[in-house]
Amino acid sequence: MTTTDTATLPAPQADPRDVEHVDVLVVGAGVSGIGAAHTLRERFPDHSLAILDAQEAHGGTWWTHRYPGVRSDSDLFTYGYRHKPWRGPSIAAGGEILAYLDEVIEEDGLAPLIRYRHRVTAASWSSEDARWTVEVDRGDTGERVRMTTDFLWMCQGYYDHTEPHRPEWPGLDRYRGRLVHPQSWPDDLDLTGKRVVVIGSGSTAATLIPAIAQHAAHVTMLQRSPSYFLAPPLTHELAVTLRALDIPEDWTHEILRRAHSAQFDELARLSHEAPDELHAFLMESMKPLLPEGFDVEKHFTPRYRPWQQRIAIVPEGDLFAALREGKASIVTDTIDTFTETGIRVGSGEELEADVVVTATGFDLAAFGNVAFTVDGEPVAFPERVTWRGVMITGVPNMAYVFGYFRHSWTLRVDLVCDLVSRLFAHMQEKGARTVVPELRPEDAGMQLRPWSDPENFNAGYVLRSQHLLFRQGDREPWTHMLEHAQECEVLPRADLDDGSLVYR
């Protein structure tokens, strides 16, 4: 389907209740929701649309995460939208990404459609009315409002924005210093001259430590298990070449988008076909950037193969620079107990800390913890199966956006928007008001697999949330979490009439 298609869904019937009705309701005004809204405005301009977000402003992660140094750990040529060329460095700070999203909202005229402090708490489908009724808590007024919609598009992201993940450690109650989680970074926190321990080894820790090490007395990264790191330049060398040649920005964007995608496709391939070779490459690429005599194998060899969790990006090796300069250090050990003045680790060493930052990640939330019902029956998502990572069996007229773990999230936003647009046009052609994924007779007895296969991706936040999420099958169209290169082939040719989607 081209971007000029303007097919429309059948006109909705009048709603007898005194509630607002829209053709499509998008939940979430982050990267996914803004991408979905752009697609709807461009391809279905006659559809009425509203976008609800629980936060005070748009941006999702980039609004809620305000810790020092916050930035993307994906390149912006693939993290940016296909339709909107990125003009900055490959790796960008959170503020730059918000400014980019500001431009998309302004160019598409989306601002009047977004309603902030609107938290969706429940969504109920009625087959008789062929529509959703959505309950919304308005944080600005304290009242509860109700909306109806023909199609619900869940773009709320994949983790709990309100409650970060923080393990229970012995002795935490007697620690007299300050305890902070990056997801709720306090505005009044001054780390100048402070001894700081950052618990964690992932992208957040790697981003935060170089930013605060410039002012803190010393920063210690305390990790139970290391992560893999890659230290690319802040600006891709190909971008420098193309801009020196005065290549049009949209050409530069597309060329760099393909270059970055090809690089990560190759990393994904090596992670499966030659993990030892990829491990050696990552180790060797870090050694020249680290202090002399640094134990690379001890502090940077994870318990998993490369890409079984995300490879953390440290542009220009800024984390390694903080280690070389003596402003930061790494301790690989377990936490024995918190003390009044810091943390005692398994070796018996005590790490003195005025401030402890728990960069321990987050917990996933199934569809924003919204309570779903279909014809009065609660939807138990762990008993349902995904349709191509876009819809859920037995849940009519509801799509969702879930991006990639390894590649940039937004690459999948674009592909999902294309597929949902094609589905809308197909419904119009069939004169259908509803569509729902259902297992076919040939799928009877199909092996059901967990939402995420630990052999494929085993990050802690994924494994501890498996019981909350839907499942996948052992065949198309009931699989998801494919690599980007695979989905570029699979999703555009997805058969919408193979019997897995029931239209009425």
Protein backbone atom coordinates (compact mmCIF):
# COMPACT_ATOMS: atom_id res chain seq x y z
CA MET A 1 0.00 0.00 0.00
CA THR A 2 1.44 3.37 -0.92
CA THR A 3 1.44 6.43 1.29
CA THR A 4 -1.15 8.05 -0.95
CA ASP A 5 -3.85 5.45 -0.29
CA THR A 6 -6.88 6.92 1.49
CA ALA A 7 -9.19 3.92 1.91
CA THR A 8 -11.67 4.32 4.75
CA LEU A 9 -13.37 1.94 7.12
CA PRO A 10 -17.16 1.60 7.01
CA ALA A 11 -18.87 4.55 8.68
CA PRO A 12 -19.48 3.93 12.39
CA GLN A 13 -23.04 3.72 13.63
CA ALA A 14 -24.34 6.46 15.90
CA ASP A 15 -23.55 5.98 19.58
CA PRO A 16 -26.64 6.36 21.74
CA ARG A 17 -24.64 7.16 24.86
CA ASP A 18 -23.34 10.57 25.73
CA VAL A 19 -19.68 9.69 25.25
CA GLU A 20 -17.11 10.80 22.74
CA HIS A 21 -16.54 8.44 19.82
CA VAL A 22 -13.56 8.24 17.45
CA ASP A 23 -12.86 5.87 14.59
CA VAL A 24 -9.40 5.00 15.93
CA LEU A 25 -8.10 5.49 19.46
CA VAL A 26 -4.32 5.39 19.92
CA VAL A 27 -3.04 4.74 23.44
CA GLY A 28 0.40 6.24 24.00
CA ALA A 29 2.12 9.34 22.61
CA GLY A 30 5.65 7.99 22.47
CA VAL A 31 7.57 6.87 19.41
CA SER A 32 5.01 4.14 18.62
CA GLY A 33 1.90 6.27 19.08
CA ILE A 34 3.26 9.23 17.14
CA GLY A 35 4.26 6.86 14.33
CA ALA A 36 0.79 5.30 14.27
CA ALA A 37 -0.86 8.73 14.26
CA HIS A 38 1.34 9.89 11.39
CA THR A 39 0.28 6.87 9.36
CA LEU A 40 -3.41 7.43 10.07
CA ARG A 41 -3.26 11.14 9.19
CA GLU A 42 -1.41 10.41 5.97
CA ARG A 43 -3.28 7.35 4.71
CA PHE A 44 -6.70 7.66 6.33
CA PRO A 45 -7.36 11.39 6.69
CA ASP A 46 -11.13 10.87 6.95
CA HIS A 47 -10.81 8.80 10.14
CA SER A 48 -11.45 10.58 13.40
CA LEU A 49 -8.57 10.03 15.80
CA ALA A 50 -7.55 10.68 19.38
CA ILE A 51 -4.28 9.90 21.17
CA LEU A 52 -4.29 9.37 24.93
CA ASP A 53 -1.20 9.46 27.14
CA ALA A 54 -0.90 9.11 30.90
CA GLN A 55 2.13 11.40 31.09
CA GLU A 56 2.27 15.20 31.14
CA ALA A 57 3.84 15.36 27.70
CA HIS A 58 4.65 13.21 24.69
CA GLY A 59 7.76 11.13 24.21
CA GLY A 60 7.17 8.09 26.40
CA THR A 61 10.58 6.87 27.56
CA TRP A 62 12.19 10.13 26.51
CA TRP A 63 9.82 12.04 28.77
CA THR A 64 9.98 9.79 31.82
CA HIS A 65 13.76 9.16 31.69
CA ARG A 66 15.61 12.33 32.64
CA TYR A 67 18.73 11.04 34.32
CA PRO A 68 22.07 12.64 33.37
CA GLY A 69 23.38 11.64 29.97
CA VAL A 70 20.18 9.87 28.85
CA ARG A 71 20.49 8.97 25.18
CA SER A 72 19.47 6.40 22.62
CA ASP A 73 21.48 3.21 22.48
CA SER A 74 20.31 2.77 18.89
CA ASP A 75 21.44 4.89 15.98
CA LEU A 76 18.95 7.61 15.07
CA PHE A 77 18.96 6.79 11.38
CA THR A 78 17.08 3.59 12.19
CA TYR A 79 15.47 4.84 15.40
CA GLY A 80 14.06 7.80 13.48
CA TYR A 81 11.04 7.28 11.28
CA ARG A 82 11.32 6.17 7.68
CA HIS A 83 9.43 9.28 6.55
CA LYS A 84 11.38 11.79 8.61
CA PRO A 85 15.13 12.14 7.87
CA TRP A 86 17.40 12.39 10.90
CA ARG A 87 19.95 15.18 10.52
CA GLY A 88 22.02 14.89 13.68
CA PRO A 89 24.74 12.53 14.96
CA SER A 90 24.14 8.79 14.91
CA ILE A 91 23.67 8.61 18.68
CA ALA A 92 21.50 11.33 20.18
CA ALA A 93 20.61 12.61 23.64
CA GLY A 94 17.07 12.36 25.00
CA GLY A 95 16.42 16.07 24.45
CA GLU A 96 17.38 15.82 20.79
CA ILE A 97 14.99 12.92 20.30
CA LEU A 98 12.16 14.86 21.95
CA ALA A 99 12.88 17.78 19.62
CA TYR A 100 12.68 15.40 16.65
CA LEU A 101 9.30 14.12 17.86
CA ASP A 102 8.18 17.76 18.32
CA GLU A 103 8.84 18.31 14.62
CA VAL A 104 6.81 15.25 13.60
CA ILE A 105 3.87 16.38 15.74
CA GLU A 106 4.00 19.90 14.30
CA GLU A 107 4.40 18.78 10.67
CA ASP A 108 1.48 16.33 10.96
CA GLY A 109 -0.75 18.64 13.00
CA LEU A 110 -1.06 16.05 15.77
CA ALA A 111 -0.97 18.36 18.79
CA PRO A 112 -4.77 18.96 18.95
CA LEU A 113 -5.33 15.19 18.89
CA ILE A 114 -3.14 14.34 21.90
CA ARG A 115 -4.64 14.36 25.40
CA TYR A 116 -2.15 14.23 28.21
CA ARG A 117 -2.75 12.95 31.77
CA HIS A 118 -5.32 10.57 30.32
CA ARG A 119 -4.60 7.11 31.73
CA VAL A 120 -6.59 4.25 30.19
CA THR A 121 -7.64 1.83 32.93
CA ALA A 122 -10.11 -0.48 31.18
CA ALA A 123 -11.19 -1.43 27.65
CA SER A 124 -14.38 -3.41 26.97
CA TRP A 125 -15.38 -4.82 23.59
CA SER A 126 -19.02 -5.31 22.65
CA SER A 127 -19.71 -7.55 19.68
CA GLU A 128 -23.28 -6.26 19.55
CA ASP A 129 -22.10 -2.67 19.14
CA ALA A 130 -18.88 -3.64 17.29
CA ARG A 131 -16.81 -1.17 19.27
CA TRP A 132 -14.65 -0.61 22.30
CA THR A 133 -15.63 1.35 25.38
CA VAL A 134 -12.59 2.76 27.14
CA GLU A 135 -12.43 4.03 30.71
CA VAL A 136 -9.99 6.88 31.27
CA ASP A 137 -8.70 8.56 34.43
CA ARG A 138 -7.92 12.23 33.85
CA GLY A 139 -4.99 13.23 35.99
CA ASP A 140 -5.57 16.95 35.40
CA THR A 141 -9.13 16.94 36.79
CA GLY A 142 -9.34 13.73 38.81
CA GLU A 143 -12.47 12.67 36.94
CA ARG A 144 -13.15 9.46 35.02
CA VAL A 145 -14.31 9.78 31.43
CA ARG A 146 -15.48 7.27 28.87
CA MET A 147 -14.76 7.05 25.16
CA THR A 148 -15.78 4.63 22.43
CA THR A 149 -13.86 3.63 19.33
CA ASP A 150 -14.15 1.26 16.39
CA PHE A 151 -10.48 0.32 16.55
CA LEU A 152 -8.06 0.38 19.47
CA TRP A 153 -4.35 0.77 18.73
CA MET A 154 -2.16 0.08 21.78
CA CYS A 155 1.12 2.01 21.53
CA GLN A 156 1.92 2.36 25.21
CA GLY A 157 5.34 0.72 25.13
CA TYR A 158 6.34 -2.39 26.98
CA TYR A 159 7.27 -1.52 30.53
CA ASP A 160 5.78 -0.09 33.68
CA HIS A 161 6.50 3.65 33.74
CA THR A 162 5.29 4.02 37.33
CA GLU A 163 7.16 1.26 39.19
CA PRO A 164 10.80 0.57 38.29
CA HIS A 165 12.39 -2.76 39.11
CA ARG A 166 14.44 -2.76 42.30
CA PRO A 167 15.50 -6.05 43.96
CA GLU A 168 15.27 -6.53 47.70
CA TRP A 169 18.77 -6.43 49.20
CA PRO A 170 19.75 -7.31 52.77
CA GLY A 171 20.41 -4.32 55.01
CA LEU A 172 18.81 -1.77 52.71
CA ASP A 173 16.80 -0.32 55.59
CA ARG A 174 19.93 0.72 57.50
CA TYR A 175 21.66 2.51 54.62
CA ARG A 176 21.92 6.22 55.52
CA GLY A 177 22.81 7.54 52.10
CA ARG A 178 20.51 8.42 49.24
CA LEU A 179 18.96 5.71 47.05
CA VAL A 180 17.92 6.69 43.52
CA HIS A 181 16.48 4.86 40.50
CA PRO A 182 17.18 6.38 37.05
CA GLN A 183 13.52 6.05 36.06
CA SER A 184 12.57 8.54 38.79
CA TRP A 185 15.62 10.79 38.87
CA PRO A 186 15.15 13.66 41.34
CA ASP A 187 15.63 17.21 40.09
CA ASP A 188 17.43 18.28 43.27
CA LEU A 189 20.16 15.62 43.23
CA ASP A 190 23.64 17.15 43.19
CA LEU A 191 26.42 14.58 42.88
CA THR A 192 29.30 17.03 43.00
CA GLY A 193 32.04 15.57 45.17
CA LYS A 194 29.93 12.54 46.09
CA ARG A 195 30.98 8.90 46.17
CA VAL A 196 28.48 7.08 43.93
CA VAL A 197 27.82 3.39 43.40
CA VAL A 198 25.76 2.49 40.34
CA ILE A 199 24.27 -1.00 40.58
CA GLY A 200 23.84 -2.42 37.10
CA SER A 201 25.78 -3.10 33.94
CA GLY A 202 23.37 -2.37 31.10
CA SER A 203 22.75 0.58 28.82
CA THR A 204 21.42 2.83 31.58
CA ALA A 205 24.51 2.37 33.75
CA ALA A 206 26.83 2.78 30.76
CA THR A 207 25.07 6.02 29.81
CA LEU A 208 24.79 7.46 33.30
CA ILE A 209 28.32 6.82 34.59
CA PRO A 210 30.28 8.97 32.07
CA ALA A 211 27.82 11.83 32.63
CA ILE A 212 28.09 11.90 36.43
CA ALA A 213 31.78 10.93 36.69
CA GLN A 214 32.78 14.42 35.59
CA HIS A 215 31.50 15.91 38.86
CA ALA A 216 31.35 13.07 41.39
CA ALA A 217 34.32 12.24 43.59
CA HIS A 218 34.26 8.73 42.17
CA VAL A 219 31.75 6.39 40.53
CA THR A 220 31.80 2.62 40.96
CA MET A 221 29.83 0.38 38.62
CA LEU A 222 28.81 -2.64 40.69
CA GLN A 223 27.72 -5.50 38.48
CA ARG A 224 26.72 -9.04 39.28
CA SER A 225 27.15 -10.02 35.64
CA PRO A 226 28.83 -8.03 32.84
CA SER A 227 27.27 -6.85 29.60
CA TYR A 228 28.66 -6.68 26.08
CA PHE A 229 29.66 -3.22 24.87
CA LEU A 230 30.34 -1.67 21.49
CA ALA A 231 32.03 1.72 21.08
CA PRO A 232 31.07 3.23 17.70
CA PRO A 233 31.85 6.84 16.75
CA LEU A 234 29.23 9.42 17.69
CA THR A 235 28.83 10.24 14.00
CA HIS A 236 29.04 7.44 11.42
CA GLU A 237 32.03 7.96 9.11
CA LEU A 238 29.73 7.43 6.13
CA ALA A 239 27.59 10.36 7.33
CA VAL A 240 30.67 12.59 7.31
CA THR A 241 31.45 11.53 3.74
CA LEU A 242 27.91 11.99 2.45
CA ARG A 243 27.48 15.41 4.03
CA ALA A 244 30.82 16.56 2.66
CA LEU A 245 29.47 15.69 -0.78
CA ASP A 246 26.35 17.76 -0.11
CA ILE A 247 24.09 14.73 -0.67
CA PRO A 248 20.36 15.52 -0.10
CA GLU A 249 19.33 14.80 3.48
CA ASP A 250 16.67 12.26 2.52
CA TRP A 251 19.27 10.33 0.50
CA THR A 252 21.74 10.48 3.38
CA HIS A 253 19.04 9.28 5.77
CA GLU A 254 18.13 6.30 3.63
CA ILE A 255 21.74 5.30 2.90
CA LEU A 256 22.71 5.46 6.57
CA ARG A 257 19.52 3.70 7.59
CA ARG A 258 20.49 0.81 5.33
CA ALA A 259 24.11 0.86 6.47
CA HIS A 260 23.20 0.67 10.16
CA SER A 261 20.58 -2.01 9.50
CA ALA A 262 23.09 -4.10 7.57
CA GLN A 263 25.61 -3.79 10.41
CA PHE A 264 23.15 -4.99 13.02
CA ASP A 265 21.84 -7.73 10.72
CA GLU A 266 25.41 -9.00 10.50
CA LEU A 267 25.84 -8.86 14.27
CA ALA A 268 22.61 -10.82 14.70
CA ARG A 269 23.76 -13.39 12.15
CA LEU A 270 27.15 -13.85 13.83
CA SER A 271 25.51 -14.18 17.24
CA HIS A 272 23.77 -17.34 16.02
CA GLU A 273 26.29 -18.73 13.58
CA ALA A 274 29.61 -17.76 15.16
CA PRO A 275 29.08 -16.52 18.75
CA ASP A 276 32.67 -17.25 19.81
CA GLU A 277 33.99 -15.22 16.90
CA LEU A 278 31.70 -12.32 17.75
CA HIS A 279 32.70 -12.51 21.42
CA ALA A 280 36.38 -12.31 20.45
CA PHE A 281 35.68 -9.34 18.19
CA LEU A 282 33.89 -7.43 20.95
CA MET A 283 36.65 -8.17 23.47
CA GLU A 284 39.41 -7.07 21.11
CA SER A 285 37.56 -3.89 20.15
CA MET A 286 37.39 -2.83 23.82
CA LYS A 287 40.94 -3.59 24.91
CA PRO A 288 42.64 -0.53 23.34
CA LEU A 289 40.08 1.76 25.03
CA LEU A 290 40.56 0.42 28.57
CA PRO A 291 43.21 1.13 31.23
CA GLU A 292 46.44 -0.81 30.90
CA GLY A 293 46.19 -4.16 32.67
CA PHE A 294 42.40 -4.03 32.87
CA ASP A 295 40.88 -7.51 33.24
CA VAL A 296 38.62 -7.50 30.19
CA GLU A 297 37.52 -11.12 30.48
CA LYS A 298 36.45 -10.73 34.12
CA HIS A 299 34.58 -7.44 33.81
CA PHE A 300 33.23 -7.66 30.26
CA THR A 301 32.45 -11.34 29.62
CA PRO A 302 28.72 -11.94 30.18
CA ARG A 303 27.12 -15.25 31.12
CA TYR A 304 25.27 -15.29 27.81
CA ARG A 305 26.29 -15.28 24.16
CA PRO A 306 26.43 -11.99 22.22
CA TRP A 307 23.00 -10.58 21.36
CA GLN A 308 21.19 -12.93 23.74
CA GLN A 309 20.78 -9.61 25.49
CA ARG A 310 21.28 -6.16 23.99
CA ILE A 311 24.80 -5.01 23.24
CA ALA A 312 25.16 -1.69 25.07
CA ILE A 313 26.39 1.20 22.93
CA VAL A 314 28.99 3.57 24.39
CA PRO A 315 29.66 6.19 21.69
CA GLU A 316 33.32 7.17 21.40
CA GLY A 317 33.92 4.75 24.29
CA ASP A 318 32.97 7.40 26.86
CA LEU A 319 32.49 4.80 29.62
CA PHE A 320 35.97 3.45 28.95
CA ALA A 321 37.40 6.98 29.05
CA ALA A 322 36.00 7.45 32.56
CA LEU A 323 37.75 4.21 33.57
CA ARG A 324 41.06 5.29 32.00
CA GLU A 325 40.94 8.65 33.76
CA GLY A 326 40.34 7.00 37.13
CA LYS A 327 37.00 8.75 37.58
CA ALA A 328 35.15 5.44 37.53
CA SER A 329 35.86 1.81 38.34
CA ILE A 330 34.13 -1.56 37.99
CA VAL A 331 33.48 -4.16 40.66
CA THR A 332 32.12 -7.51 39.47
CA ASP A 333 30.65 -9.24 42.50
CA THR A 334 27.43 -9.95 44.36
CA ILE A 335 25.83 -7.78 47.05
CA ASP A 336 26.26 -9.31 50.48
CA THR A 337 24.48 -6.51 52.33
CA PHE A 338 23.96 -2.78 52.48
CA THR A 339 25.69 -1.09 55.40
CA GLU A 340 25.10 2.30 56.97
CA THR A 341 27.68 3.87 54.65
CA GLY A 342 27.57 1.75 51.52
CA ILE A 343 27.54 -1.81 50.21
CA ARG A 344 29.54 -4.87 51.28
CA VAL A 345 30.07 -7.27 48.39
CA GLY A 346 30.63 -11.00 48.38
CA SER A 347 34.44 -10.69 48.57
CA GLY A 348 34.11 -8.76 51.83
CA GLU A 349 35.10 -5.42 50.30
CA GLU A 350 32.93 -2.47 51.33
CA LEU A 351 32.09 0.17 48.77
CA GLU A 352 31.55 3.53 50.46
CA ALA A 353 28.70 5.43 48.87
CA ASP A 354 27.01 8.76 49.56
CA VAL A 355 24.54 7.89 46.80
CA VAL A 356 23.52 4.50 45.40
CA VAL A 357 21.89 4.47 41.97
CA THR A 358 19.91 1.31 41.25
CA ALA A 359 20.17 0.97 37.46
CA THR A 360 18.48 -2.39 37.80
CA GLY A 361 16.04 -2.09 34.94
CA PHE A 362 12.27 -2.23 34.77
CA ASP A 363 9.33 -4.60 34.70
CA LEU A 364 7.19 -5.27 31.68
CA ALA A 365 3.52 -4.37 31.68
CA ALA A 366 1.01 -6.20 29.50
CA PHE A 367 -0.69 -3.48 27.44
CA GLY A 368 -0.13 -0.82 30.08
CA ASN A 369 -1.88 -2.91 32.73
CA VAL A 370 -5.22 -2.03 31.12
CA ALA A 371 -8.04 -4.40 32.13
CA PHE A 372 -9.46 -5.88 28.91
CA THR A 373 -12.82 -7.61 28.54
CA VAL A 374 -14.51 -9.04 25.45
CA ASP A 375 -18.29 -9.36 25.69
CA GLY A 376 -18.09 -9.21 29.46
CA GLU A 377 -15.35 -11.86 29.82
CA PRO A 378 -11.95 -10.75 31.16
CA VAL A 379 -9.07 -11.31 28.73
CA ALA A 380 -6.31 -13.45 30.24
CA PHE A 381 -3.44 -12.57 27.95
CA PRO A 382 -1.14 -15.45 29.04
CA GLU A 383 -3.78 -17.78 27.55
CA ARG A 384 -3.84 -15.95 24.22
CA VAL A 385 -1.56 -16.16 21.18
CA THR A 386 -0.05 -13.37 19.14
CA TRP A 387 -0.84 -12.88 15.46
CA ARG A 388 2.43 -11.75 13.84
CA GLY A 389 3.29 -9.68 16.93
CA VAL A 390 0.52 -7.23 15.95
CA MET A 391 -2.83 -8.61 17.19
CA ILE A 392 -4.05 -11.10 19.83
CA THR A 393 -6.34 -14.11 19.36
CA GLY A 394 -9.91 -13.50 20.47
CA VAL A 395 -9.42 -9.73 20.85
CA PRO A 396 -11.28 -7.94 18.00
CA ASN A 397 -10.25 -4.66 16.39
CA MET A 398 -7.15 -4.21 18.51
CA ALA A 399 -3.59 -3.87 17.24
CA TYR A 400 -0.45 -3.17 19.20
CA VAL A 401 3.08 -1.98 18.50
CA PHE A 402 6.02 -3.79 19.98
CA GLY A 403 9.44 -2.99 18.58
CA TYR A 404 12.67 -4.93 18.35
CA PHE A 405 15.01 -5.90 21.15
CA ARG A 406 18.16 -5.95 19.04
CA HIS A 407 17.39 -3.45 16.29
CA SER A 408 15.92 0.00 16.69
CA TRP A 409 12.37 -0.04 18.03
CA THR A 410 11.12 2.28 15.30
CA LEU A 411 12.09 -0.01 12.45
CA ARG A 412 9.24 -2.25 13.55
CA VAL A 413 6.90 0.69 14.16
CA ASP A 414 7.10 1.47 10.45
CA LEU A 415 6.47 -2.16 9.45
CA VAL A 416 3.51 -2.56 11.83
CA CYS A 417 1.98 0.69 10.59
CA ASP A 418 2.20 -0.62 7.03
CA LEU A 419 0.51 -3.88 8.00
CA VAL A 420 -2.29 -2.24 9.99
CA SER A 421 -2.90 0.19 7.12
CA ARG A 422 -3.19 -2.72 4.72
CA LEU A 423 -5.60 -4.42 7.13
CA PHE A 424 -7.79 -1.28 7.33
CA ALA A 425 -7.96 -1.08 3.53
CA HIS A 426 -8.76 -4.81 3.32
CA MET A 427 -11.62 -4.42 5.80
CA GLN A 428 -13.03 -1.58 3.71
CA GLU A 429 -12.87 -3.72 0.59
CA LYS A 430 -14.71 -6.55 2.35
CA GLY A 431 -17.22 -4.24 4.01
CA ALA A 432 -16.15 -5.65 7.38
CA ARG A 433 -16.58 -3.78 10.67
CA THR A 434 -14.62 -6.24 12.80
CA VAL A 435 -11.53 -8.39 12.48
CA VAL A 436 -10.23 -10.86 15.05
CA PRO A 437 -7.38 -13.41 14.93
CA GLU A 438 -8.53 -17.00 15.57
CA LEU A 439 -6.63 -20.27 15.47
CA ARG A 440 -7.54 -22.31 12.40
CA PRO A 441 -8.45 -26.01 12.33
CA GLU A 442 -4.94 -26.81 11.11
CA ASP A 443 -3.56 -25.02 14.19
CA ALA A 444 -5.29 -27.44 16.59
CA GLY A 445 -2.69 -28.94 18.90
CA MET A 446 -0.08 -26.40 17.84
CA GLN A 447 2.80 -26.19 20.29
CA LEU A 448 2.53 -22.97 22.29
CA ARG A 449 5.77 -21.30 23.19
CA PRO A 450 6.60 -18.57 25.71
CA TRP A 451 6.35 -14.94 24.72
CA SER A 452 10.14 -14.85 24.49
CA ASP A 453 12.35 -17.86 23.92
CA PRO A 454 15.18 -17.66 26.50
CA GLU A 455 17.52 -19.27 23.99
CA ASN A 456 16.89 -16.29 21.74
CA PHE A 457 16.69 -13.41 24.22
CA ASN A 458 17.10 -13.78 27.99
CA ALA A 459 17.27 -10.32 29.54
CA GLY A 460 16.15 -10.27 33.16
CA TYR A 461 13.18 -7.98 32.57
CA VAL A 462 11.92 -10.40 29.93
CA LEU A 463 12.32 -13.59 31.94
CA ARG A 464 10.72 -12.24 35.11
CA SER A 465 7.66 -11.05 33.14
CA GLN A 466 6.96 -14.08 30.96
CA HIS A 467 3.96 -15.10 33.08
CA LEU A 468 2.19 -11.80 32.36
CA LEU A 469 2.34 -11.90 28.61
CA PHE A 470 0.73 -13.68 25.71
CA ARG A 471 2.28 -16.63 23.92
CA GLN A 472 3.39 -17.57 20.43
CA GLY A 473 3.03 -20.65 18.28
CA ASP A 474 5.44 -22.74 16.28
CA ARG A 475 4.41 -21.49 12.83
CA GLU A 476 3.28 -18.43 10.93
CA PRO A 477 1.27 -16.34 11.55
CA TRP A 478 1.52 -17.13 15.27
CA THR A 479 5.18 -16.25 15.74
CA HIS A 480 6.89 -12.99 16.60
CA MET A 481 10.30 -11.58 17.62
CA LEU A 482 11.81 -12.28 14.24
CA GLU A 483 14.86 -10.31 13.15
CA HIS A 484 14.30 -7.13 11.18
CA ALA A 485 15.62 -8.59 7.92
CA GLN A 486 13.13 -11.47 8.22
CA GLU A 487 10.17 -9.19 8.93
CA CYS A 488 11.00 -6.95 6.00
CA GLU A 489 10.15 -10.00 3.90
CA VAL A 490 7.39 -11.57 6.02
CA LEU A 491 5.13 -8.69 7.07
CA PRO A 492 4.64 -6.97 3.68
CA ARG A 493 3.52 -10.27 2.13
CA ALA A 494 1.40 -11.43 5.07
CA ASP A 495 -1.76 -13.08 3.73
CA LEU A 496 -4.80 -11.36 5.24
CA ASP A 497 -7.12 -14.07 3.92
CA ASP A 498 -5.37 -17.22 5.10
CA GLY A 499 -8.13 -17.99 7.59
CA SER A 500 -6.23 -16.71 10.65
CA LEU A 501 -8.24 -13.47 10.59
CA VAL A 502 -12.03 -13.64 10.89
CA TYR A 503 -13.96 -10.71 9.41
CA ARG A 504 -17.54 -9.78 10.21
